[in-house]
Amino acid sequence: MVVKWSKYAIDDLKNYLQNSKLYATGKLEKYVNNLVLYVNNLQTSPLLGKEFYTYKEIEIRQLLYKMHRIFYYIYDDNIIIIMVTHTSRDLTNIIKCIKRIL
């Protein structure tokens, strides 16, 4: 399987890199790189994330990495990363965003 990042998910990571004040720049980049490496585990274990929500017959799954939620779905032989959000973000708003994206 191939992991593909949506424009929205890439923007989420870029925004996090630009706006986070939790880490020094080097640690922040390392955190994001490790997040991406963790997501790459989906290539061999696509069901690693738990079921989160079904929309238009698309099963959205959620993978947790430290303080982030990674939302994705499986389509053919592709794993599509929809968005990456902080775990503190309201799930109702996340569902609204997913509906807009899909």
PDB file of N, CA and C in Angstrom:
ATOM      1  N   MET A   1       0.836  -1.180   0.000  1.00  0.00           N
ATOM      2  CA  MET A   1       0.000   0.000   0.000  1.00  0.00           C
ATOM      3  C   MET A   1       0.886   1.251   0.000  1.00  0.00           C
ATOM      4  N   VAL A   2       0.325   2.329  -0.504  1.00  0.00           N
ATOM      5  CA  VAL A   2       1.055   3.590  -0.612  1.00  0.00           C
ATOM      6  C   VAL A   2       0.343   4.649   0.231  1.00  0.00           C
ATOM      7  N   VAL A   3       1.116   5.364   1.049  1.00  0.00           N
ATOM      8  CA  VAL A   3       0.564   6.466   1.839  1.00  0.00           C
ATOM      9  C   VAL A   3       0.607   7.727   0.989  1.00  0.00           C
ATOM     10  N   LYS A   4      -0.551   8.377   0.863  1.00  0.00           N
ATOM     11  CA  LYS A   4      -0.642   9.635   0.121  1.00  0.00           C
ATOM     12  C   LYS A   4      -1.208  10.702   1.046  1.00  0.00           C
ATOM     13  N   TRP A   5      -0.554  11.842   1.070  1.00  0.00           N
ATOM     14  CA  TRP A   5      -0.960  12.937   1.933  1.00  0.00           C
ATOM     15  C   TRP A   5      -1.813  13.923   1.141  1.00  0.00           C
ATOM     16  N   SER A   6      -2.985  14.252   1.662  1.00  0.00           N
ATOM     17  CA  SER A   6      -3.826  15.260   1.020  1.00  0.00           C
ATOM     18  C   SER A   6      -3.199  16.635   1.219  1.00  0.00           C
ATOM     19  N   LYS A   7      -3.620  17.573   0.423  1.00  0.00           N
ATOM     20  CA  LYS A   7      -3.163  18.955   0.557  1.00  0.00           C
ATOM     21  C   LYS A   7      -3.477  19.466   1.965  1.00  0.00           C
ATOM     22  N   TYR A   8      -4.641  19.092   2.478  1.00  0.00           N
ATOM     23  CA  TYR A   8      -5.061  19.551   3.804  1.00  0.00           C
ATOM     24  C   TYR A   8      -4.137  19.024   4.903  1.00  0.00           C
ATOM     25  N   ALA A   9      -3.759  17.763   4.802  1.00  0.00           N
ATOM     26  CA  ALA A   9      -2.874  17.164   5.806  1.00  0.00           C
ATOM     27  C   ALA A   9      -1.489  17.800   5.746  1.00  0.00           C
ATOM     28  N   ILE A  10      -0.995  18.046   4.554  1.00  0.00           N
ATOM     29  CA  ILE A  10       0.305  18.706   4.401  1.00  0.00           C
ATOM     30  C   ILE A  10       0.243  20.115   4.997  1.00  0.00           C
ATOM     31  N   ASP A  11      -0.849  20.828   4.716  1.00  0.00           N
ATOM     32  CA  ASP A  11      -1.020  22.170   5.285  1.00  0.00           C
ATOM     33  C   ASP A  11      -1.083  22.125   6.813  1.00  0.00           C
ATOM     34  N   ASP A  12      -1.742  21.092   7.359  1.00  0.00           N
ATOM     35  CA  ASP A  12      -1.798  20.943   8.820  1.00  0.00           C
ATOM     36  C   ASP A  12      -0.398  20.842   9.404  1.00  0.00           C
ATOM     37  N   LEU A  13       0.449  20.029   8.784  1.00  0.00           N
ATOM     38  CA  LEU A  13       1.819  19.874   9.278  1.00  0.00           C
ATOM     39  C   LEU A  13       2.620  21.167   9.125  1.00  0.00           C
ATOM     40  N   LYS A  14       2.464  21.838   7.989  1.00  0.00           N
ATOM     41  CA  LYS A  14       3.172  23.107   7.775  1.00  0.00           C
ATOM     42  C   LYS A  14       2.740  24.140   8.814  1.00  0.00           C
ATOM     43  N   ASN A  15       1.433  24.226   9.054  1.00  0.00           N
ATOM     44  CA  ASN A  15       0.930  25.182  10.047  1.00  0.00           C
ATOM     45  C   ASN A  15       1.458  24.861  11.440  1.00  0.00           C
ATOM     46  N   TYR A  16       1.533  23.585  11.754  1.00  0.00           N
ATOM     47  CA  TYR A  16       2.056  23.187  13.057  1.00  0.00           C
ATOM     48  C   TYR A  16       3.527  23.595  13.188  1.00  0.00           C
ATOM     49  N   LEU A  17       4.290  23.363  12.138  1.00  0.00           N
ATOM     50  CA  LEU A  17       5.708  23.749  12.151  1.00  0.00           C
ATOM     51  C   LEU A  17       5.879  25.264  12.310  1.00  0.00           C
ATOM     52  N   GLN A  18       5.006  26.031  11.690  1.00  0.00           N
ATOM     53  CA  GLN A  18       5.129  27.485  11.726  1.00  0.00           C
ATOM     54  C   GLN A  18       4.615  28.098  13.019  1.00  0.00           C
ATOM     55  N   ASN A  19       3.610  27.458  13.634  1.00  0.00           N
ATOM     56  CA  ASN A  19       2.921  28.105  14.746  1.00  0.00           C
ATOM     57  C   ASN A  19       3.127  27.477  16.116  1.00  0.00           C
ATOM     58  N   SER A  20       3.743  26.330  16.174  1.00  0.00           N
ATOM     59  CA  SER A  20       3.908  25.677  17.467  1.00  0.00           C
ATOM     60  C   SER A  20       4.979  26.364  18.300  1.00  0.00           C
ATOM     61  N   LYS A  21       4.686  26.491  19.577  1.00  0.00           N
ATOM     62  CA  LYS A  21       5.642  27.094  20.500  1.00  0.00           C
ATOM     63  C   LYS A  21       6.071  26.084  21.556  1.00  0.00           C
ATOM     64  N   LEU A  22       5.724  24.815  21.346  1.00  0.00           N
ATOM     65  CA  LEU A  22       6.035  23.786  22.336  1.00  0.00           C
ATOM     66  C   LEU A  22       7.503  23.384  22.337  1.00  0.00           C
ATOM     67  N   TYR A  23       8.123  23.387  21.157  1.00  0.00           N
ATOM     68  CA  TYR A  23       9.486  22.902  21.033  1.00  0.00           C
ATOM     69  C   TYR A  23      10.363  23.937  20.355  1.00  0.00           C
ATOM     70  N   ALA A  24      11.653  23.812  20.561  1.00  0.00           N
ATOM     71  CA  ALA A  24      12.608  24.578  19.762  1.00  0.00           C
ATOM     72  C   ALA A  24      12.523  24.054  18.336  1.00  0.00           C
ATOM     73  N   THR A  25      12.950  24.831  17.376  1.00  0.00           N
ATOM     74  CA  THR A  25      12.800  24.481  15.963  1.00  0.00           C
ATOM     75  C   THR A  25      13.319  23.089  15.634  1.00  0.00           C
ATOM     76  N   GLY A  26      14.500  22.738  16.098  1.00  0.00           N
ATOM     77  CA  GLY A  26      15.074  21.418  15.796  1.00  0.00           C
ATOM     78  C   GLY A  26      14.227  20.284  16.346  1.00  0.00           C
ATOM     79  N   LYS A  27      13.763  20.429  17.578  1.00  0.00           N
ATOM     80  CA  LYS A  27      12.917  19.391  18.184  1.00  0.00           C
ATOM     81  C   LYS A  27      11.570  19.305  17.479  1.00  0.00           C
ATOM     82  N   LEU A  28      11.051  20.435  17.064  1.00  0.00           N
ATOM     83  CA  LEU A  28       9.765  20.471  16.363  1.00  0.00           C
ATOM     84  C   LEU A  28       9.868  19.731  15.037  1.00  0.00           C
ATOM     85  N   GLU A  29      10.915  19.985  14.285  1.00  0.00           N
ATOM     86  CA  GLU A  29      11.111  19.289  13.012  1.00  0.00           C
ATOM     87  C   GLU A  29      11.289  17.792  13.233  1.00  0.00           C
ATOM     88  N   LYS A  30      12.006  17.421  14.281  1.00  0.00           N
ATOM     89  CA  LYS A  30      12.194  16.010  14.602  1.00  0.00           C
ATOM     90  C   LYS A  30      10.853  15.357  14.949  1.00  0.00           C
ATOM     91  N   TYR A  31      10.024  16.075  15.712  1.00  0.00           N
ATOM     92  CA  TYR A  31       8.707  15.560  16.070  1.00  0.00           C
ATOM     93  C   TYR A  31       7.875  15.278  14.820  1.00  0.00           C
ATOM     94  N   VAL A  32       7.835  16.250  13.906  1.00  0.00           N
ATOM     95  CA  VAL A  32       7.043  16.089  12.679  1.00  0.00           C
ATOM     96  C   VAL A  32       7.624  14.968  11.815  1.00  0.00           C
ATOM     97  N   ASN A  33       8.929  14.891  11.698  1.00  0.00           N
ATOM     98  CA  ASN A  33       9.547  13.799  10.931  1.00  0.00           C
ATOM     99  C   ASN A  33       9.187  12.443  11.529  1.00  0.00           C
ATOM    100  N   ASN A  34       9.218  12.338  12.855  1.00  0.00           N
ATOM    101  CA  ASN A  34       8.846  11.082  13.509  1.00  0.00           C
ATOM    102  C   ASN A  34       7.367  10.756  13.321  1.00  0.00           C
ATOM    103  N   LEU A  35       6.542  11.788  13.305  1.00  0.00           N
ATOM    104  CA  LEU A  35       5.117  11.586  13.029  1.00  0.00           C
ATOM    105  C   LEU A  35       4.938  10.983  11.632  1.00  0.00           C
ATOM    106  N   VAL A  36       5.626  11.545  10.658  1.00  0.00           N
ATOM    107  CA  VAL A  36       5.534  11.048   9.275  1.00  0.00           C
ATOM    108  C   VAL A  36       6.042   9.603   9.205  1.00  0.00           C
ATOM    109  N   LEU A  37       7.145   9.311   9.869  1.00  0.00           N
ATOM    110  CA  LEU A  37       7.658   7.932   9.890  1.00  0.00           C
ATOM    111  C   LEU A  37       6.646   6.984  10.521  1.00  0.00           C
ATOM    112  N   TYR A  38       6.002   7.429  11.580  1.00  0.00           N
ATOM    113  CA  TYR A  38       4.987   6.612  12.242  1.00  0.00           C
ATOM    114  C   TYR A  38       3.816   6.337  11.299  1.00  0.00           C
ATOM    115  N   VAL A  39       3.390   7.363  10.575  1.00  0.00           N
ATOM    116  CA  VAL A  39       2.297   7.206   9.606  1.00  0.00           C
ATOM    117  C   VAL A  39       2.685   6.209   8.523  1.00  0.00           C
ATOM    118  N   ASN A  40       3.947   6.172   8.157  1.00  0.00           N
ATOM    119  CA  ASN A  40       4.403   5.238   7.124  1.00  0.00           C
ATOM    120  C   ASN A  40       4.221   3.772   7.533  1.00  0.00           C
ATOM    121  N   ASN A  41       4.043   3.515   8.827  1.00  0.00           N
ATOM    122  CA  ASN A  41       3.737   2.151   9.284  1.00  0.00           C
ATOM    123  C   ASN A  41       2.422   1.646   8.698  1.00  0.00           C
ATOM    124  N   LEU A  42       1.583   2.566   8.258  1.00  0.00           N
ATOM    125  CA  LEU A  42       0.304   2.173   7.663  1.00  0.00           C
ATOM    126  C   LEU A  42       0.500   1.395   6.357  1.00  0.00           C
ATOM    127  N   GLN A  43       1.638   1.571   5.713  1.00  0.00           N
ATOM    128  CA  GLN A  43       1.901   0.845   4.464  1.00  0.00           C
ATOM    129  C   GLN A  43       1.801  -0.658   4.674  1.00  0.00           C
ATOM    130  N   THR A  44       2.286  -1.128   5.801  1.00  0.00           N
ATOM    131  CA  THR A  44       2.262  -2.569   6.078  1.00  0.00           C
ATOM    132  C   THR A  44       1.142  -2.963   7.039  1.00  0.00           C
ATOM    133  N   SER A  45       0.603  -1.984   7.758  1.00  0.00           N
ATOM    134  CA  SER A  45      -0.488  -2.261   8.713  1.00  0.00           C
ATOM    135  C   SER A  45      -1.579  -1.203   8.552  1.00  0.00           C
ATOM    136  N   PRO A  46      -2.310  -1.218   7.449  1.00  0.00           N
ATOM    137  CA  PRO A  46      -3.283  -0.150   7.176  1.00  0.00           C
ATOM    138  C   PRO A  46      -4.418  -0.042   8.193  1.00  0.00           C
ATOM    139  N   LEU A  47      -4.668  -1.110   8.934  1.00  0.00           N
ATOM    140  CA  LEU A  47      -5.743  -1.070   9.925  1.00  0.00           C
ATOM    141  C   LEU A  47      -5.221  -0.721  11.322  1.00  0.00           C
ATOM    142  N   LEU A  48      -4.009  -0.194  11.384  1.00  0.00           N
ATOM    143  CA  LEU A  48      -3.399   0.179  12.652  1.00  0.00           C
ATOM    144  C   LEU A  48      -4.259   1.193  13.413  1.00  0.00           C
ATOM    145  N   GLY A  49      -4.807   2.152  12.698  1.00  0.00           N
ATOM    146  CA  GLY A  49      -5.684   3.143  13.326  1.00  0.00           C
ATOM    147  C   GLY A  49      -7.068   2.560  13.568  1.00  0.00           C
ATOM    148  N   LYS A  50      -7.738   3.090  14.586  1.00  0.00           N
ATOM    149  CA  LYS A  50      -9.071   2.569  14.886  1.00  0.00           C
ATOM    150  C   LYS A  50     -10.135   3.290  14.061  1.00  0.00           C
ATOM    151  N   GLU A  51     -11.267   2.638  13.889  1.00  0.00           N
ATOM    152  CA  GLU A  51     -12.383   3.246  13.164  1.00  0.00           C
ATOM    153  C   GLU A  51     -12.829   4.492  13.915  1.00  0.00           C
ATOM    154  N   PHE A  52     -13.089   5.557  13.158  1.00  0.00           N
ATOM    155  CA  PHE A  52     -13.496   6.820  13.766  1.00  0.00           C
ATOM    156  C   PHE A  52     -14.888   7.237  13.328  1.00  0.00           C
ATOM    157  N   TYR A  53     -15.119   7.222  12.011  1.00  0.00           N
ATOM    158  CA  TYR A  53     -16.367   7.784  11.479  1.00  0.00           C
ATOM    159  C   TYR A  53     -16.558   7.274  10.061  1.00  0.00           C
ATOM    160  N   THR A  54     -17.801   7.067   9.673  1.00  0.00           N
ATOM    161  CA  THR A  54     -18.091   6.684   8.290  1.00  0.00           C
ATOM    162  C   THR A  54     -18.882   7.806   7.638  1.00  0.00           C
ATOM    163  N   TYR A  55     -18.420   8.233   6.477  1.00  0.00           N
ATOM    164  CA  TYR A  55     -19.068   9.318   5.743  1.00  0.00           C
ATOM    165  C   TYR A  55     -19.081   8.948   4.267  1.00  0.00           C
ATOM    166  N   LYS A  56     -20.281   8.971   3.680  1.00  0.00           N
ATOM    167  CA  LYS A  56     -20.459   8.606   2.264  1.00  0.00           C
ATOM    168  C   LYS A  56     -19.816   7.253   1.962  1.00  0.00           C
ATOM    169  N   GLU A  57     -20.029   6.315   2.853  1.00  0.00           N
ATOM    170  CA  GLU A  57     -19.513   4.953   2.731  1.00  0.00           C
ATOM    171  C   GLU A  57     -17.988   4.869   2.796  1.00  0.00           C
ATOM    172  N   ILE A  58     -17.356   5.941   3.230  1.00  0.00           N
ATOM    173  CA  ILE A  58     -15.905   5.944   3.406  1.00  0.00           C
ATOM    174  C   ILE A  58     -15.622   5.779   4.897  1.00  0.00           C
ATOM    175  N   GLU A  59     -14.882   4.742   5.234  1.00  0.00           N
ATOM    176  CA  GLU A  59     -14.534   4.516   6.634  1.00  0.00           C
ATOM    177  C   GLU A  59     -13.292   5.324   6.985  1.00  0.00           C
ATOM    178  N   ILE A  60     -13.499   6.337   7.813  1.00  0.00           N
ATOM    179  CA  ILE A  60     -12.396   7.173   8.268  1.00  0.00           C
ATOM    180  C   ILE A  60     -11.791   6.506   9.501  1.00  0.00           C
ATOM    181  N   ARG A  61     -10.487   6.412   9.510  1.00  0.00           N
ATOM    182  CA  ARG A  61      -9.766   5.810  10.636  1.00  0.00           C
ATOM    183  C   ARG A  61      -8.911   6.878  11.303  1.00  0.00           C
ATOM    184  N   GLN A  62      -8.573   6.645  12.562  1.00  0.00           N
ATOM    185  CA  GLN A  62      -7.797   7.593  13.350  1.00  0.00           C
ATOM    186  C   GLN A  62      -6.566   6.893  13.921  1.00  0.00           C
ATOM    187  N   LEU A  63      -5.442   7.493  13.677  1.00  0.00           N
ATOM    188  CA  LEU A  63      -4.185   6.992  14.217  1.00  0.00           C
ATOM    189  C   LEU A  63      -3.653   8.054  15.178  1.00  0.00           C
ATOM    190  N   LEU A  64      -3.309   7.639  16.385  1.00  0.00           N
ATOM    191  CA  LEU A  64      -2.787   8.590  17.367  1.00  0.00           C
ATOM    192  C   LEU A  64      -1.269   8.555  17.380  1.00  0.00           C
ATOM    193  N   TYR A  65      -0.687   9.739  17.386  1.00  0.00           N
ATOM    194  CA  TYR A  65       0.754   9.867  17.567  1.00  0.00           C
ATOM    195  C   TYR A  65       0.990  10.975  18.592  1.00  0.00           C
ATOM    196  N   LYS A  66       1.392  10.594  19.766  1.00  0.00           N
ATOM    197  CA  LYS A  66       1.640  11.525  20.873  1.00  0.00           C
ATOM    198  C   LYS A  66       0.477  12.502  21.022  1.00  0.00           C
ATOM    199  N   MET A  67       0.652  13.767  20.646  1.00  0.00           N
ATOM    200  CA  MET A  67      -0.408  14.752  20.841  1.00  0.00           C
ATOM    201  C   MET A  67      -1.179  15.081  19.560  1.00  0.00           C
ATOM    202  N   HIS A  68      -1.114  14.186  18.569  1.00  0.00           N
ATOM    203  CA  HIS A  68      -1.817  14.422  17.309  1.00  0.00           C
ATOM    204  C   HIS A  68      -2.674  13.235  16.890  1.00  0.00           C
ATOM    205  N   ARG A  69      -3.744  13.565  16.217  1.00  0.00           N
ATOM    206  CA  ARG A  69      -4.610  12.570  15.594  1.00  0.00           C
ATOM    207  C   ARG A  69      -4.391  12.662  14.085  1.00  0.00           C
ATOM    208  N   ILE A  70      -4.194  11.526  13.465  1.00  0.00           N
ATOM    209  CA  ILE A  70      -4.015  11.472  12.020  1.00  0.00           C
ATOM    210  C   ILE A  70      -5.245  10.757  11.474  1.00  0.00           C
ATOM    211  N   PHE A  71      -5.996  11.427  10.614  1.00  0.00           N
ATOM    212  CA  PHE A  71      -7.208  10.843  10.040  1.00  0.00           C
ATOM    213  C   PHE A  71      -6.919  10.408   8.613  1.00  0.00           C
ATOM    214  N   TYR A  72      -7.381   9.203   8.298  1.00  0.00           N
ATOM    215  CA  TYR A  72      -7.108   8.652   6.972  1.00  0.00           C
ATOM    216  C   TYR A  72      -8.195   7.675   6.564  1.00  0.00           C
ATOM    217  N   TYR A  73      -8.174   7.321   5.284  1.00  0.00           N
ATOM    218  CA  TYR A  73      -9.030   6.250   4.788  1.00  0.00           C
ATOM    219  C   TYR A  73      -8.251   5.443   3.760  1.00  0.00           C
ATOM    220  N   ILE A  74      -8.751   4.257   3.518  1.00  0.00           N
ATOM    221  CA  ILE A  74      -8.100   3.345   2.575  1.00  0.00           C
ATOM    222  C   ILE A  74      -8.926   3.324   1.303  1.00  0.00           C
ATOM    223  N   TYR A  75      -8.264   3.514   0.180  1.00  0.00           N
ATOM    224  CA  TYR A  75      -8.927   3.498  -1.117  1.00  0.00           C
ATOM    225  C   TYR A  75      -8.047   2.706  -2.077  1.00  0.00           C
ATOM    226  N   ASP A  76      -8.571   1.595  -2.565  1.00  0.00           N
ATOM    227  CA  ASP A  76      -7.788   0.671  -3.391  1.00  0.00           C
ATOM    228  C   ASP A  76      -6.517   0.302  -2.632  1.00  0.00           C
ATOM    229  N   ASP A  77      -5.368   0.545  -3.223  1.00  0.00           N
ATOM    230  CA  ASP A  77      -4.092   0.250  -2.556  1.00  0.00           C
ATOM    231  C   ASP A  77      -3.440   1.503  -1.984  1.00  0.00           C
ATOM    232  N   ASN A  78      -4.263   2.509  -1.701  1.00  0.00           N
ATOM    233  CA  ASN A  78      -3.751   3.775  -1.191  1.00  0.00           C
ATOM    234  C   ASN A  78      -4.299   4.060   0.203  1.00  0.00           C
ATOM    235  N   ILE A  79      -3.477   4.669   1.002  1.00  0.00           N
ATOM    236  CA  ILE A  79      -3.888   5.172   2.296  1.00  0.00           C
ATOM    237  C   ILE A  79      -3.851   6.691   2.176  1.00  0.00           C
ATOM    238  N   ILE A  80      -5.005   7.314   2.239  1.00  0.00           N
ATOM    239  CA  ILE A  80      -5.113   8.751   2.035  1.00  0.00           C
ATOM    240  C   ILE A  80      -5.169   9.437   3.399  1.00  0.00           C
ATOM    241  N   ILE A  81      -4.161  10.234   3.691  1.00  0.00           N
ATOM    242  CA  ILE A  81      -4.137  10.996   4.938  1.00  0.00           C
ATOM    243  C   ILE A  81      -4.959  12.254   4.706  1.00  0.00           C
ATOM    244  N   ILE A  82      -6.039  12.390   5.459  1.00  0.00           N
ATOM    245  CA  ILE A  82      -6.966  13.509   5.271  1.00  0.00           C
ATOM    246  C   ILE A  82      -6.505  14.746   6.023  1.00  0.00           C
ATOM    247  N   MET A  83      -6.218  14.552   7.307  1.00  0.00           N
ATOM    248  CA  MET A  83      -5.847  15.697   8.128  1.00  0.00           C
ATOM    249  C   MET A  83      -5.080  15.236   9.364  1.00  0.00           C
ATOM    250  N   VAL A  84      -4.355  16.177   9.941  1.00  0.00           N
ATOM    251  CA  VAL A  84      -3.602  15.943  11.168  1.00  0.00           C
ATOM    252  C   VAL A  84      -4.007  17.041  12.142  1.00  0.00           C
ATOM    253  N   THR A  85      -4.501  16.650  13.316  1.00  0.00           N
ATOM    254  CA  THR A  85      -4.966  17.645  14.276  1.00  0.00           C
ATOM    255  C   THR A  85      -4.416  17.355  15.673  1.00  0.00           C
ATOM    256  N   HIS A  86      -4.424  18.369  16.488  1.00  0.00           N
ATOM    257  CA  HIS A  86      -4.007  18.211  17.879  1.00  0.00           C
ATOM    258  C   HIS A  86      -5.104  17.431  18.614  1.00  0.00           C
ATOM    259  N   THR A  87      -4.707  16.624  19.581  1.00  0.00           N
ATOM    260  CA  THR A  87      -5.679  15.797  20.309  1.00  0.00           C
ATOM    261  C   THR A  87      -6.670  16.628  21.114  1.00  0.00           C
ATOM    262  N   SER A  88      -6.353  17.873  21.391  1.00  0.00           N
ATOM    263  CA  SER A  88      -7.268  18.720  22.157  1.00  0.00           C
ATOM    264  C   SER A  88      -8.412  19.286  21.307  1.00  0.00           C
ATOM    265  N   ARG A  89      -8.317  19.138  20.006  1.00  0.00           N
ATOM    266  CA  ARG A  89      -9.334  19.710  19.123  1.00  0.00           C
ATOM    267  C   ARG A  89     -10.658  18.967  19.257  1.00  0.00           C
ATOM    268  N   ASP A  90     -11.743  19.702  19.222  1.00  0.00           N
ATOM    269  CA  ASP A  90     -13.092  19.172  19.381  1.00  0.00           C
ATOM    270  C   ASP A  90     -13.446  18.214  18.241  1.00  0.00           C
ATOM    271  N   LEU A  91     -13.915  17.027  18.582  1.00  0.00           N
ATOM    272  CA  LEU A  91     -14.217  16.006  17.571  1.00  0.00           C
ATOM    273  C   LEU A  91     -15.372  16.408  16.660  1.00  0.00           C
ATOM    274  N   THR A  92     -16.323  17.171  17.173  1.00  0.00           N
ATOM    275  CA  THR A  92     -17.442  17.627  16.332  1.00  0.00           C
ATOM    276  C   THR A  92     -16.920  18.506  15.201  1.00  0.00           C
ATOM    277  N   ASN A  93     -15.989  19.399  15.517  1.00  0.00           N
ATOM    278  CA  ASN A  93     -15.394  20.259  14.487  1.00  0.00           C
ATOM    279  C   ASN A  93     -14.557  19.457  13.501  1.00  0.00           C
ATOM    280  N   ILE A  94     -13.901  18.420  13.993  1.00  0.00           N
ATOM    281  CA  ILE A  94     -13.108  17.564  13.109  1.00  0.00           C
ATOM    282  C   ILE A  94     -14.018  16.886  12.086  1.00  0.00           C
ATOM    283  N   ILE A  95     -15.147  16.378  12.540  1.00  0.00           N
ATOM    284  CA  ILE A  95     -16.091  15.726  11.621  1.00  0.00           C
ATOM    285  C   ILE A  95     -16.585  16.709  10.566  1.00  0.00           C
ATOM    286  N   LYS A  96     -16.876  17.946  10.980  1.00  0.00           N
ATOM    287  CA  LYS A  96     -17.306  18.969  10.022  1.00  0.00           C
ATOM    288  C   LYS A  96     -16.216  19.206   8.971  1.00  0.00           C
ATOM    289  N   CYS A  97     -14.962  19.285   9.412  1.00  0.00           N
ATOM    290  CA  CYS A  97     -13.849  19.509   8.484  1.00  0.00           C
ATOM    291  C   CYS A  97     -13.695  18.323   7.515  1.00  0.00           C
ATOM    292  N   ILE A  98     -13.805  17.114   8.030  1.00  0.00           N
ATOM    293  CA  ILE A  98     -13.700  15.936   7.187  1.00  0.00           C
ATOM    294  C   ILE A  98     -14.778  15.936   6.122  1.00  0.00           C
ATOM    295  N   LYS A  99     -15.985  16.300   6.492  1.00  0.00           N
ATOM    296  CA  LYS A  99     -17.083  16.361   5.521  1.00  0.00           C
ATOM    297  C   LYS A  99     -16.805  17.382   4.432  1.00  0.00           C
ATOM    298  N   ARG A 100     -16.209  18.515   4.808  1.00  0.00           N
ATOM    299  CA  ARG A 100     -15.875  19.546   3.802  1.00  0.00           C
ATOM    300  C   ARG A 100     -14.790  19.035   2.863  1.00  0.00           C
ATOM    301  N   ILE A 101     -13.816  18.327   3.423  1.00  0.00           N
ATOM    302  CA  ILE A 101     -12.692  17.840   2.621  1.00  0.00           C
ATOM    303  C   ILE A 101     -13.155  16.768   1.631  1.00  0.00           C
ATOM    304  N   LEU A 102     -14.001  15.858   2.122  1.00  0.00           N
ATOM    305  CA  LEU A 102     -14.442  14.765   1.248  1.00  0.00           C
ATOM    306  C   LEU A 102     -15.587  15.204   0.380  1.00  0.00           C
TER     307      LEU A 102
END
